[in-house]
Every structure is written in C-alpha cells, then in structure tokens.
C-alpha cells in the first residue's frame, strides 16, 4: 500500500509499504520542481538512498521536451554516481543509465 501527496505543481512526496515473505518493507521519497523542466529527486528504501537531478532539454519544438538528462548519487546497494538519458513518446519511454562500477542498464516504460 502507498500514497502520494501533490505539492501544488511543485512536485510530490510519496511513501509505500509492502509485506513480502512475512516481513514489512518500506520506501519513501519525493520530487521537487524548482523551475520548469527541472526535477530534484530523493528516495530511500531498504537498498539505500538516492539523490538526483533531471532536466528536459529544449532541442525540439512543438512536441514538448521528450529528451531528458539526469545525474545523481546512490548510497547503499550500488553506491556511487550515475548518469541517465531518457526519451519519451506519449506514454512510452526508453532510458539508459550508466553508473560507477561499469554498470549499465536500459529501462522501457509504458503507462496505460
């Protein structure tokens, strides 16, 4: 179970708890939008803490800002700096992330 609270167009805070194999696990975090197309994120769960900054690039007009760049730092599991690039088309997105320790990941997202 979980919930989120909108911060009036300036971001949101969220929390969730889940019961897996007889144990409770929790996570919480938030996103702040200090300026148009810029997001500051923070999250914490049992794996660790993550802080990040994302910005949408104005390289294309008429279609919004589908290209986003981000960077941040993780403490705990997978600790170290990371960088990401994401491209959004409608309710779909594809993202690639590289982090310290020569880790690389690709994420595909579809919101229905």
PDB file of N, CA and C in Angstrom:
ATOM      1  N   UNK A   1       0.842  -1.162   0.000  1.00  0.00           N
ATOM      2  CA  UNK A   1       0.000   0.000   0.000  1.00  0.00           C
ATOM      3  C   UNK A   1       0.890   1.228   0.000  1.00  0.00           C
ATOM      4  N   UNK A   2       0.357   2.304  -0.511  1.00  0.00           N
ATOM      5  CA  UNK A   2       1.160   3.508  -0.599  1.00  0.00           C
ATOM      6  C   UNK A   2       0.303   4.709  -0.910  1.00  0.00           C
ATOM      7  N   UNK A   3       0.938   5.848  -0.923  1.00  0.00           N
ATOM      8  CA  UNK A   3       0.217   7.065  -1.228  1.00  0.00           C
ATOM      9  C   UNK A   3       1.177   8.161  -1.631  1.00  0.00           C
ATOM     10  N   UNK A   4       0.616   9.195  -2.230  1.00  0.00           N
ATOM     11  CA  UNK A   4       1.404  10.338  -2.669  1.00  0.00           C
ATOM     12  C   UNK A   4       0.629  11.612  -2.381  1.00  0.00           C
ATOM     13  N   UNK A   5       1.353  12.683  -2.155  1.00  0.00           N
ATOM     14  CA  UNK A   5       0.760  13.985  -1.891  1.00  0.00           C
ATOM     15  C   UNK A   5       1.367  14.980  -2.868  1.00  0.00           C
ATOM     16  N   UNK A   6       0.528  15.582  -3.701  1.00  0.00           N
ATOM     17  CA  UNK A   6       0.989  16.586  -4.660  1.00  0.00           C
ATOM     18  C   UNK A   6       1.325  17.881  -3.937  1.00  0.00           C
ATOM     19  N   UNK A   7       2.349  18.546  -4.403  1.00  0.00           N
ATOM     20  CA  UNK A   7       2.794  19.805  -3.797  1.00  0.00           C
ATOM     21  C   UNK A   7       2.414  20.992  -4.669  1.00  0.00           C
ATOM     22  N   UNK A   8       1.194  21.008  -5.152  1.00  0.00           N
ATOM     23  CA  UNK A   8       0.661  22.142  -5.899  1.00  0.00           C
ATOM     24  C   UNK A   8       1.424  22.496  -7.152  1.00  0.00           C
ATOM     25  N   UNK A   9       1.806  21.520  -7.950  1.00  0.00           N
ATOM     26  CA  UNK A   9       2.534  21.799  -9.184  1.00  0.00           C
ATOM     27  C   UNK A   9       4.031  21.945  -8.998  1.00  0.00           C
ATOM     28  N   UNK A  10       4.505  21.806  -7.776  1.00  0.00           N
ATOM     29  CA  UNK A  10       5.939  21.935  -7.498  1.00  0.00           C
ATOM     30  C   UNK A  10       6.574  20.609  -7.111  1.00  0.00           C
ATOM     31  N   UNK A  11       5.861  19.497  -7.358  1.00  0.00           N
ATOM     32  CA  UNK A  11       6.408  18.184  -7.066  1.00  0.00           C
ATOM     33  C   UNK A  11       5.435  17.329  -6.289  1.00  0.00           C
ATOM     34  N   UNK A  12       5.974  16.303  -5.631  1.00  0.00           N
ATOM     35  CA  UNK A  12       5.166  15.411  -4.815  1.00  0.00           C
ATOM     36  C   UNK A  12       6.049  14.687  -3.813  1.00  0.00           C
ATOM     37  N   UNK A  13       5.444  14.202  -2.755  1.00  0.00           N
ATOM     38  CA  UNK A  13       6.091  13.301  -1.812  1.00  0.00           C
ATOM     39  C   UNK A  13       5.281  12.010  -1.812  1.00  0.00           C
ATOM     40  N   UNK A  14       5.950  10.881  -1.582  1.00  0.00           N
ATOM     41  CA  UNK A  14       5.269   9.601  -1.628  1.00  0.00           C
ATOM     42  C   UNK A  14       5.882   8.643  -0.602  1.00  0.00           C
ATOM     43  N   UNK A  15       5.125   7.631  -0.280  1.00  0.00           N
ATOM     44  CA  UNK A  15       5.598   6.565   0.614  1.00  0.00           C
ATOM     45  C   UNK A  15       4.826   5.294   0.284  1.00  0.00           C
ATOM     46  N   UNK A  16       5.475   4.166   0.530  1.00  0.00           N
ATOM     47  CA  UNK A  16       4.790   2.890   0.326  1.00  0.00           C
ATOM     48  C   UNK A  16       5.345   1.862   1.304  1.00  0.00           C
ATOM     49  N   UNK A  17       4.511   0.879   1.602  1.00  0.00           N
ATOM     50  CA  UNK A  17       4.905  -0.249   2.446  1.00  0.00           C
ATOM     51  C   UNK A  17       4.363  -1.514   1.798  1.00  0.00           C
ATOM     52  N   UNK A  18       5.141  -2.582   1.865  1.00  0.00           N
ATOM     53  CA  UNK A  18       4.681  -3.853   1.309  1.00  0.00           C
ATOM     54  C   UNK A  18       5.126  -4.992   2.222  1.00  0.00           C
ATOM     55  N   UNK A  19       4.326  -6.017   2.228  1.00  0.00           N
ATOM     56  CA  UNK A  19       4.629  -7.188   3.047  1.00  0.00           C
ATOM     57  C   UNK A  19       5.043  -8.321   2.111  1.00  0.00           C
ATOM     58  N   UNK A  20       6.286  -8.782   2.256  1.00  0.00           N
ATOM     59  CA  UNK A  20       6.835  -9.836   1.416  1.00  0.00           C
ATOM     60  C   UNK A  20       7.471 -10.894   2.306  1.00  0.00           C
ATOM     61  N   UNK A  21       7.068 -12.142   2.119  1.00  0.00           N
ATOM     62  CA  UNK A  21       7.619 -13.262   2.886  1.00  0.00           C
ATOM     63  C   UNK A  21       7.582 -13.016   4.394  1.00  0.00           C
ATOM     64  N   UNK A  22       6.492 -12.465   4.876  1.00  0.00           N
ATOM     65  CA  UNK A  22       6.313 -12.253   6.311  1.00  0.00           C
ATOM     66  C   UNK A  22       6.994 -11.015   6.878  1.00  0.00           C
ATOM     67  N   UNK A  23       7.676 -10.248   6.063  1.00  0.00           N
ATOM     68  CA  UNK A  23       8.340  -9.037   6.540  1.00  0.00           C
ATOM     69  C   UNK A  23       7.805  -7.801   5.852  1.00  0.00           C
ATOM     70  N   UNK A  24       7.843  -6.686   6.573  1.00  0.00           N
ATOM     71  CA  UNK A  24       7.396  -5.405   6.017  1.00  0.00           C
ATOM     72  C   UNK A  24       8.577  -4.657   5.433  1.00  0.00           C
ATOM     73  N   UNK A  25       8.389  -4.101   4.261  1.00  0.00           N
ATOM     74  CA  UNK A  25       9.396  -3.285   3.590  1.00  0.00           C
ATOM     75  C   UNK A  25       8.768  -1.937   3.258  1.00  0.00           C
ATOM     76  N   UNK A  26       9.549  -0.893   3.356  1.00  0.00           N
ATOM     77  CA  UNK A  26       9.032   0.448   3.160  1.00  0.00           C
ATOM     78  C   UNK A  26       9.951   1.222   2.206  1.00  0.00           C
ATOM     79  N   UNK A  27       9.411   2.272   1.675  1.00  0.00           N
ATOM     80  CA  UNK A  27      10.171   3.200   0.840  1.00  0.00           C
ATOM     81  C   UNK A  27       9.478   4.552   0.918  1.00  0.00           C
ATOM     82  N   UNK A  28      10.236   5.606   0.753  1.00  0.00           N
ATOM     83  CA  UNK A  28       9.667   6.952   0.724  1.00  0.00           C
ATOM     84  C   UNK A  28      10.538   7.818  -0.173  1.00  0.00           C
ATOM     85  N   UNK A  29       9.980   8.903  -0.628  1.00  0.00           N
ATOM     86  CA  UNK A  29      10.754   9.796  -1.475  1.00  0.00           C
ATOM     87  C   UNK A  29       9.953  11.004  -1.898  1.00  0.00           C
ATOM     88  N   UNK A  30      10.541  11.759  -2.788  1.00  0.00           N
ATOM     89  CA  UNK A  30       9.864  12.952  -3.266  1.00  0.00           C
ATOM     90  C   UNK A  30      10.540  13.526  -4.486  1.00  0.00           C
ATOM     91  N   UNK A  31       9.806  14.380  -5.143  1.00  0.00           N
ATOM     92  CA  UNK A  31      10.293  15.116  -6.304  1.00  0.00           C
ATOM     93  C   UNK A  31       9.933  16.577  -6.113  1.00  0.00           C
ATOM     94  N   UNK A  32      10.900  17.449  -6.281  1.00  0.00           N
ATOM     95  CA  UNK A  32      10.663  18.896  -6.250  1.00  0.00           C
ATOM     96  C   UNK A  32      10.950  19.452  -7.636  1.00  0.00           C
ATOM     97  N   UNK A  33      10.123  20.406  -8.063  1.00  0.00           N
ATOM     98  CA  UNK A  33      10.289  21.047  -9.363  1.00  0.00           C
ATOM     99  C   UNK A  33      10.573  22.540  -9.097  1.00  0.00           C
ATOM    100  N   UNK A  34      11.862  22.895  -8.972  1.00  0.00           N
ATOM    101  CA  UNK A  34      12.205  24.280  -8.647  1.00  0.00           C
ATOM    102  C   UNK A  34      12.060  25.236  -9.826  1.00  0.00           C
ATOM    103  N   UNK A  35      12.100  24.712 -11.053  1.00  0.00           N
ATOM    104  CA  UNK A  35      11.967  25.525 -12.267  1.00  0.00           C
ATOM    105  C   UNK A  35      11.352  24.637 -13.347  1.00  0.00           C
ATOM    106  N   UNK A  36      10.791  25.255 -14.374  1.00  0.00           N
ATOM    107  CA  UNK A  36      10.213  24.479 -15.465  1.00  0.00           C
ATOM    108  C   UNK A  36      11.237  23.490 -16.021  1.00  0.00           C
ATOM    109  N   UNK A  37      10.812  22.251 -16.210  1.00  0.00           N
ATOM    110  CA  UNK A  37      11.603  21.190 -16.830  1.00  0.00           C
ATOM    111  C   UNK A  37      12.799  20.727 -16.004  1.00  0.00           C
ATOM    112  N   UNK A  38      12.842  21.049 -14.727  1.00  0.00           N
ATOM    113  CA  UNK A  38      13.927  20.613 -13.834  1.00  0.00           C
ATOM    114  C   UNK A  38      13.314  19.901 -12.641  1.00  0.00           C
ATOM    115  N   UNK A  39      13.857  18.721 -12.292  1.00  0.00           N
ATOM    116  CA  UNK A  39      13.363  17.944 -11.162  1.00  0.00           C
ATOM    117  C   UNK A  39      14.514  17.557 -10.247  1.00  0.00           C
ATOM    118  N   UNK A  40      14.312  17.734  -8.957  1.00  0.00           N
ATOM    119  CA  UNK A  40      15.207  17.216  -7.929  1.00  0.00           C
ATOM    120  C   UNK A  40      14.494  16.028  -7.291  1.00  0.00           C
ATOM    121  N   UNK A  41      15.154  14.882  -7.209  1.00  0.00           N
ATOM    122  CA  UNK A  41      14.516  13.694  -6.653  1.00  0.00           C
ATOM    123  C   UNK A  41      15.324  13.141  -5.490  1.00  0.00           C
ATOM    124  N   UNK A  42      14.620  12.522  -4.559  1.00  0.00           N
ATOM    125  CA  UNK A  42      15.238  11.817  -3.440  1.00  0.00           C
ATOM    126  C   UNK A  42      14.371  10.615  -3.115  1.00  0.00           C
ATOM    127  N   UNK A  43      15.002   9.505  -2.786  1.00  0.00           N
ATOM    128  CA  UNK A  43      14.258   8.300  -2.429  1.00  0.00           C
ATOM    129  C   UNK A  43      15.096   7.470  -1.470  1.00  0.00           C
ATOM    130  N   UNK A  44      14.414   6.744  -0.600  1.00  0.00           N
ATOM    131  CA  UNK A  44      15.096   5.841   0.322  1.00  0.00           C
ATOM    132  C   UNK A  44      14.265   4.581   0.477  1.00  0.00           C
ATOM    133  N   UNK A  45      14.921   3.438   0.408  1.00  0.00           N
ATOM    134  CA  UNK A  45      14.285   2.153   0.671  1.00  0.00           C
ATOM    135  C   UNK A  45      15.308   1.260   1.355  1.00  0.00           C
ATOM    136  N   UNK A  46      15.012  -0.019   1.476  1.00  0.00           N
ATOM    137  CA  UNK A  46      15.927  -0.895   2.211  1.00  0.00           C
ATOM    138  C   UNK A  46      17.261  -1.076   1.505  1.00  0.00           C
ATOM    139  N   UNK A  47      17.328  -0.799   0.198  1.00  0.00           N
ATOM    140  CA  UNK A  47      18.578  -0.926  -0.550  1.00  0.00           C
ATOM    141  C   UNK A  47      19.491   0.285  -0.367  1.00  0.00           C
ATOM    142  N   UNK A  48      18.943   1.437   0.029  1.00  0.00           N
ATOM    143  CA  UNK A  48      19.767   2.620   0.214  1.00  0.00           C
ATOM    144  C   UNK A  48      19.037   3.907  -0.093  1.00  0.00           C
ATOM    145  N   UNK A  49      19.817   4.941  -0.347  1.00  0.00           N
ATOM    146  CA  UNK A  49      19.300   6.288  -0.595  1.00  0.00           C
ATOM    147  C   UNK A  49      19.802   6.768  -1.951  1.00  0.00           C
ATOM    148  N   UNK A  50      18.980   7.543  -2.635  1.00  0.00           N
ATOM    149  CA  UNK A  50      19.347   8.084  -3.939  1.00  0.00           C
ATOM    150  C   UNK A  50      18.939   9.547  -4.014  1.00  0.00           C
ATOM    151  N   UNK A  51      19.841  10.394  -4.491  1.00  0.00           N
ATOM    152  CA  UNK A  51      19.556  11.800  -4.763  1.00  0.00           C
ATOM    153  C   UNK A  51      19.882  12.065  -6.231  1.00  0.00           C
ATOM    154  N   UNK A  52      19.034  12.831  -6.917  1.00  0.00           N
ATOM    155  CA  UNK A  52      19.279  13.068  -8.325  1.00  0.00           C
ATOM    156  C   UNK A  52      18.727  14.377  -8.837  1.00  0.00           C
ATOM    157  N   UNK A  53      19.169  14.755 -10.010  1.00  0.00           N
ATOM    158  CA  UNK A  53      18.732  15.959 -10.712  1.00  0.00           C
ATOM    159  C   UNK A  53      18.447  15.553 -12.151  1.00  0.00           C
ATOM    160  N   UNK A  54      17.283  15.954 -12.688  1.00  0.00           N
ATOM    161  CA  UNK A  54      16.908  15.661 -14.075  1.00  0.00           C
ATOM    162  C   UNK A  54      16.470  16.953 -14.746  1.00  0.00           C
ATOM    163  N   UNK A  55      16.778  17.070 -16.027  1.00  0.00           N
ATOM    164  CA  UNK A  55      16.361  18.245 -16.798  1.00  0.00           C
ATOM    165  C   UNK A  55      15.941  17.813 -18.194  1.00  0.00           C
ATOM    166  N   UNK A  56      14.867  18.414 -18.683  1.00  0.00           N
ATOM    167  CA  UNK A  56      14.399  18.169 -20.048  1.00  0.00           C
ATOM    168  C   UNK A  56      15.085  19.168 -20.969  1.00  0.00           C
ATOM    169  N   UNK A  57      15.617  18.679 -22.070  1.00  0.00           N
ATOM    170  CA  UNK A  57      16.359  19.536 -22.985  1.00  0.00           C
ATOM    171  C   UNK A  57      15.451  20.114 -24.070  1.00  0.00           C
ATOM    172  N   UNK A  58      15.589  21.402 -24.372  1.00  0.00           N
ATOM    173  CA  UNK A  58      14.729  22.064 -25.370  1.00  0.00           C
ATOM    174  C   UNK A  58      15.267  21.933 -26.792  1.00  0.00           C
ATOM    175  N   UNK A  59      15.601  20.736 -27.229  1.00  0.00           N
ATOM    176  CA  UNK A  59      16.192  20.538 -28.550  1.00  0.00           C
ATOM    177  C   UNK A  59      15.150  20.419 -29.654  1.00  0.00           C
ATOM    178  N   UNK A  60      13.895  20.343 -29.281  1.00  0.00           N
ATOM    179  CA  UNK A  60      12.833  20.135 -30.265  1.00  0.00           C
ATOM    180  C   UNK A  60      11.642  21.012 -29.895  1.00  0.00           C
ATOM    181  N   UNK A  61      11.009  21.647 -30.865  1.00  0.00           N
ATOM    182  CA  UNK A  61       9.839  22.465 -30.568  1.00  0.00           C
ATOM    183  C   UNK A  61       8.583  21.784 -31.088  1.00  0.00           C
ATOM    184  N   UNK A  62       7.438  22.135 -30.529  1.00  0.00           N
ATOM    185  CA  UNK A  62       6.169  21.607 -30.992  1.00  0.00           C
ATOM    186  C   UNK A  62       5.773  20.276 -30.400  1.00  0.00           C
ATOM    187  N   UNK A  63       6.700  19.506 -29.901  1.00  0.00           N
ATOM    188  CA  UNK A  63       6.415  18.179 -29.358  1.00  0.00           C
ATOM    189  C   UNK A  63       6.719  18.124 -27.862  1.00  0.00           C
ATOM    190  N   UNK A  64       6.957  19.260 -27.268  1.00  0.00           N
ATOM    191  CA  UNK A  64       7.328  19.257 -25.865  1.00  0.00           C
ATOM    192  C   UNK A  64       8.813  19.048 -25.728  1.00  0.00           C
ATOM    193  N   UNK A  65       9.213  18.468 -24.633  1.00  0.00           N
ATOM    194  CA  UNK A  65      10.632  18.211 -24.372  1.00  0.00           C
ATOM    195  C   UNK A  65      10.829  16.733 -24.047  1.00  0.00           C
ATOM    196  N   UNK A  66      10.898  15.895 -25.061  1.00  0.00           N
ATOM    197  CA  UNK A  66      10.951  14.458 -24.809  1.00  0.00           C
ATOM    198  C   UNK A  66      12.314  13.934 -24.351  1.00  0.00           C
ATOM    199  N   UNK A  67      13.399  14.676 -24.567  1.00  0.00           N
ATOM    200  CA  UNK A  67      14.728  14.209 -24.200  1.00  0.00           C
ATOM    201  C   UNK A  67      15.100  14.747 -22.825  1.00  0.00           C
ATOM    202  N   UNK A  68      15.477  13.850 -21.917  1.00  0.00           N
ATOM    203  CA  UNK A  68      15.816  14.245 -20.550  1.00  0.00           C
ATOM    204  C   UNK A  68      17.172  13.672 -20.153  1.00  0.00           C
ATOM    205  N   UNK A  69      17.954  14.465 -19.462  1.00  0.00           N
ATOM    206  CA  UNK A  69      19.244  14.042 -18.922  1.00  0.00           C
ATOM    207  C   UNK A  69      19.190  14.104 -17.408  1.00  0.00           C
ATOM    208  N   UNK A  70      19.868  13.189 -16.768  1.00  0.00           N
ATOM    209  CA  UNK A  70      19.879  13.175 -15.311  1.00  0.00           C
ATOM    210  C   UNK A  70      21.200  12.675 -14.771  1.00  0.00           C
ATOM    211  N   UNK A  71      21.442  12.997 -13.513  1.00  0.00           N
ATOM    212  CA  UNK A  71      22.637  12.537 -12.805  1.00  0.00           C
ATOM    213  C   UNK A  71      22.327  12.543 -11.323  1.00  0.00           C
ATOM    214  N   UNK A  72      23.078  11.768 -10.586  1.00  0.00           N
ATOM    215  CA  UNK A  72      22.866  11.731  -9.147  1.00  0.00           C
ATOM    216  C   UNK A  72      23.862  10.833  -8.457  1.00  0.00           C
ATOM    217  N   UNK A  73      23.529  10.500  -7.213  1.00  0.00           N
ATOM    218  CA  UNK A  73      24.405   9.669  -6.387  1.00  0.00           C
ATOM    219  C   UNK A  73      23.552   8.722  -5.556  1.00  0.00           C
ATOM    220  N   UNK A  74      24.057   7.502  -5.386  1.00  0.00           N
ATOM    221  CA  UNK A  74      23.380   6.490  -4.560  1.00  0.00           C
ATOM    222  C   UNK A  74      24.278   6.087  -3.405  1.00  0.00           C
ATOM    223  N   UNK A  75      23.670   5.871  -2.243  1.00  0.00           N
ATOM    224  CA  UNK A  75      24.333   5.312  -1.080  1.00  0.00           C
ATOM    225  C   UNK A  75      23.689   3.958  -0.802  1.00  0.00           C
ATOM    226  N   UNK A  76      24.450   3.010  -0.312  1.00  0.00           N
ATOM    227  CA  UNK A  76      23.909   1.678  -0.049  1.00  0.00           C
ATOM    228  C   UNK A  76      24.225   0.746  -1.201  1.00  0.00           C
ATOM    229  N   UNK A  77      23.263  -0.075  -1.592  1.00  0.00           N
ATOM    230  CA  UNK A  77      23.442  -1.022  -2.698  1.00  0.00           C
ATOM    231  C   UNK A  77      23.682  -0.267  -3.996  1.00  0.00           C
ATOM    232  N   UNK A  78      24.732  -0.623  -4.737  1.00  0.00           N
ATOM    233  CA  UNK A  78      25.051   0.067  -5.985  1.00  0.00           C
ATOM    234  C   UNK A  78      25.544   1.485  -5.765  1.00  0.00           C
ATOM    235  N   UNK A  79      26.244   1.727  -4.659  1.00  0.00           N
ATOM    236  CA  UNK A  79      26.676   3.072  -4.282  1.00  0.00           C
ATOM    237  C   UNK A  79      27.576   3.706  -5.336  1.00  0.00           C
ATOM    238  N   UNK A  80      27.424   5.017  -5.480  1.00  0.00           N
ATOM    239  CA  UNK A  80      28.262   5.778  -6.386  1.00  0.00           C
ATOM    240  C   UNK A  80      27.447   6.685  -7.286  1.00  0.00           C
ATOM    241  N   UNK A  81      28.123   7.456  -8.121  1.00  0.00           N
ATOM    242  CA  UNK A  81      27.431   8.368  -9.036  1.00  0.00           C
ATOM    243  C   UNK A  81      26.811   7.613 -10.209  1.00  0.00           C
ATOM    244  N   UNK A  82      25.807   8.235 -10.826  1.00  0.00           N
ATOM    245  CA  UNK A  82      25.177   7.661 -12.015  1.00  0.00           C
ATOM    246  C   UNK A  82      24.747   8.783 -12.954  1.00  0.00           C
ATOM    247  N   UNK A  83      24.561   8.431 -14.217  1.00  0.00           N
ATOM    248  CA  UNK A  83      24.043   9.349 -15.222  1.00  0.00           C
ATOM    249  C   UNK A  83      23.003   8.619 -16.045  1.00  0.00           C
ATOM    250  N   UNK A  84      22.015   9.345 -16.564  1.00  0.00           N
ATOM    251  CA  UNK A  84      20.964   8.707 -17.349  1.00  0.00           C
ATOM    252  C   UNK A  84      20.504   9.622 -18.474  1.00  0.00           C
ATOM    253  N   UNK A  85      19.953   9.000 -19.512  1.00  0.00           N
ATOM    254  CA  UNK A  85      19.328   9.714 -20.605  1.00  0.00           C
ATOM    255  C   UNK A  85      18.005   9.011 -20.890  1.00  0.00           C
ATOM    256  N   UNK A  86      16.955   9.791 -21.128  1.00  0.00           N
ATOM    257  CA  UNK A  86      15.628   9.224 -21.350  1.00  0.00           C
ATOM    258  C   UNK A  86      14.963   9.936 -22.519  1.00  0.00           C
ATOM    259  N   UNK A  87      14.209   9.164 -23.309  1.00  0.00           N
ATOM    260  CA  UNK A  87      13.436   9.730 -24.407  1.00  0.00           C
ATOM    261  C   UNK A  87      11.987   9.280 -24.239  1.00  0.00           C
ATOM    262  N   UNK A  88      11.052  10.229 -24.242  1.00  0.00           N
ATOM    263  CA  UNK A  88       9.636   9.939 -24.045  1.00  0.00           C
ATOM    264  C   UNK A  88       8.845  10.227 -25.315  1.00  0.00           C
ATOM    265  N   UNK A  89       7.916   9.319 -25.629  1.00  0.00           N
ATOM    266  CA  UNK A  89       6.987   9.499 -26.740  1.00  0.00           C
ATOM    267  C   UNK A  89       5.618   9.095 -26.219  1.00  0.00           C
ATOM    268  N   UNK A  90       4.746  10.067 -26.018  1.00  0.00           N
ATOM    269  CA  UNK A  90       3.428   9.779 -25.461  1.00  0.00           C
ATOM    270  C   UNK A  90       3.558   9.142 -24.086  1.00  0.00           C
ATOM    271  N   UNK A  91       2.950   7.976 -23.917  1.00  0.00           N
ATOM    272  CA  UNK A  91       3.005   7.299 -22.623  1.00  0.00           C
ATOM    273  C   UNK A  91       4.129   6.265 -22.553  1.00  0.00           C
ATOM    274  N   UNK A  92       5.034   6.287 -23.539  1.00  0.00           N
ATOM    275  CA  UNK A  92       6.149   5.347 -23.580  1.00  0.00           C
ATOM    276  C   UNK A  92       7.464   6.079 -23.356  1.00  0.00           C
ATOM    277  N   UNK A  93       8.418   5.382 -22.748  1.00  0.00           N
ATOM    278  CA  UNK A  93       9.749   5.963 -22.605  1.00  0.00           C
ATOM    279  C   UNK A  93      10.796   4.858 -22.620  1.00  0.00           C
ATOM    280  N   UNK A  94      11.979   5.222 -23.051  1.00  0.00           N
ATOM    281  CA  UNK A  94      13.137   4.336 -23.000  1.00  0.00           C
ATOM    282  C   UNK A  94      14.256   5.139 -22.345  1.00  0.00           C
ATOM    283  N   UNK A  95      14.950   4.506 -21.415  1.00  0.00           N
ATOM    284  CA  UNK A  95      16.010   5.186 -20.679  1.00  0.00           C
ATOM    285  C   UNK A  95      17.226   4.285 -20.590  1.00  0.00           C
ATOM    286  N   UNK A  96      18.391   4.897 -20.574  1.00  0.00           N
ATOM    287  CA  UNK A  96      19.651   4.180 -20.379  1.00  0.00           C
ATOM    288  C   UNK A  96      20.380   4.844 -19.226  1.00  0.00           C
ATOM    289  N   UNK A  97      21.007   4.023 -18.402  1.00  0.00           N
ATOM    290  CA  UNK A  97      21.726   4.534 -17.233  1.00  0.00           C
ATOM    291  C   UNK A  97      23.094   3.884 -17.154  1.00  0.00           C
ATOM    292  N   UNK A  98      24.076   4.676 -16.806  1.00  0.00           N
ATOM    293  CA  UNK A  98      25.416   4.161 -16.544  1.00  0.00           C
ATOM    294  C   UNK A  98      25.818   4.656 -15.154  1.00  0.00           C
ATOM    295  N   UNK A  99      26.457   3.771 -14.396  1.00  0.00           N
ATOM    296  CA  UNK A  99      26.859   4.149 -13.044  1.00  0.00           C
ATOM    297  C   UNK A  99      28.269   3.658 -12.771  1.00  0.00           C
ATOM    298  N   UNK A 100      28.819   4.099 -11.643  1.00  0.00           N
ATOM    299  CA  UNK A 100      30.171   3.683 -11.291  1.00  0.00           C
ATOM    300  C   UNK A 100      30.212   2.167 -11.167  1.00  0.00           C
ATOM    301  N   UNK A 101      31.366   1.603 -11.277  1.00  0.00           N
ATOM    302  CA  UNK A 101      31.482   0.154 -11.254  1.00  0.00           C
ATOM    303  C   UNK A 101      31.137  -0.455 -12.596  1.00  0.00           C
ATOM    304  N   UNK A 102      31.115   0.376 -13.660  1.00  0.00           N
ATOM    305  CA  UNK A 102      30.856  -0.062 -15.030  1.00  0.00           C
ATOM    306  C   UNK A 102      29.521  -0.787 -15.177  1.00  0.00           C
ATOM    307  N   UNK A 103      28.507  -0.327 -14.463  1.00  0.00           N
ATOM    308  CA  UNK A 103      27.160  -0.889 -14.599  1.00  0.00           C
ATOM    309  C   UNK A 103      26.397  -0.098 -15.643  1.00  0.00           C
ATOM    310  N   UNK A 104      25.561  -0.800 -16.423  1.00  0.00           N
ATOM    311  CA  UNK A 104      24.763  -0.176 -17.461  1.00  0.00           C
ATOM    312  C   UNK A 104      23.390  -0.825 -17.452  1.00  0.00           C
ATOM    313  N   UNK A 105      22.343  -0.030 -17.607  1.00  0.00           N
ATOM    314  CA  UNK A 105      21.002  -0.584 -17.634  1.00  0.00           C
ATOM    315  C   UNK A 105      20.116   0.150 -18.623  1.00  0.00           C
ATOM    316  N   UNK A 106      19.118  -0.563 -19.142  1.00  0.00           N
ATOM    317  CA  UNK A 106      18.138   0.012 -20.055  1.00  0.00           C
ATOM    318  C   UNK A 106      16.759  -0.259 -19.474  1.00  0.00           C
ATOM    319  N   UNK A 107      15.894   0.757 -19.501  1.00  0.00           N
ATOM    320  CA  UNK A 107      14.547   0.632 -18.941  1.00  0.00           C
ATOM    321  C   UNK A 107      13.527   1.054 -19.992  1.00  0.00           C
ATOM    322  N   UNK A 108      12.521   0.227 -20.210  1.00  0.00           N
ATOM    323  CA  UNK A 108      11.397   0.548 -21.084  1.00  0.00           C
ATOM    324  C   UNK A 108      10.167   0.704 -20.216  1.00  0.00           C
ATOM    325  N   UNK A 109       9.402   1.777 -20.425  1.00  0.00           N
ATOM    326  CA  UNK A 109       8.231   2.043 -19.608  1.00  0.00           C
ATOM    327  C   UNK A 109       7.034   2.331 -20.519  1.00  0.00           C
ATOM    328  N   UNK A 110       5.891   1.750 -20.167  1.00  0.00           N
ATOM    329  CA  UNK A 110       4.636   2.018 -20.870  1.00  0.00           C
ATOM    330  C   UNK A 110       3.568   2.282 -19.814  1.00  0.00           C
ATOM    331  N   UNK A 111       2.937   3.438 -19.863  1.00  0.00           N
ATOM    332  CA  UNK A 111       1.863   3.785 -18.923  1.00  0.00           C
ATOM    333  C   UNK A 111       0.550   3.619 -19.652  1.00  0.00           C
ATOM    334  N   UNK A 112      -0.355   2.816 -19.097  1.00  0.00           N
ATOM    335  CA  UNK A 112      -1.620   2.507 -19.751  1.00  0.00           C
ATOM    336  C   UNK A 112      -2.757   3.139 -19.010  1.00  0.00           C
TER     337      UNK A 112
END
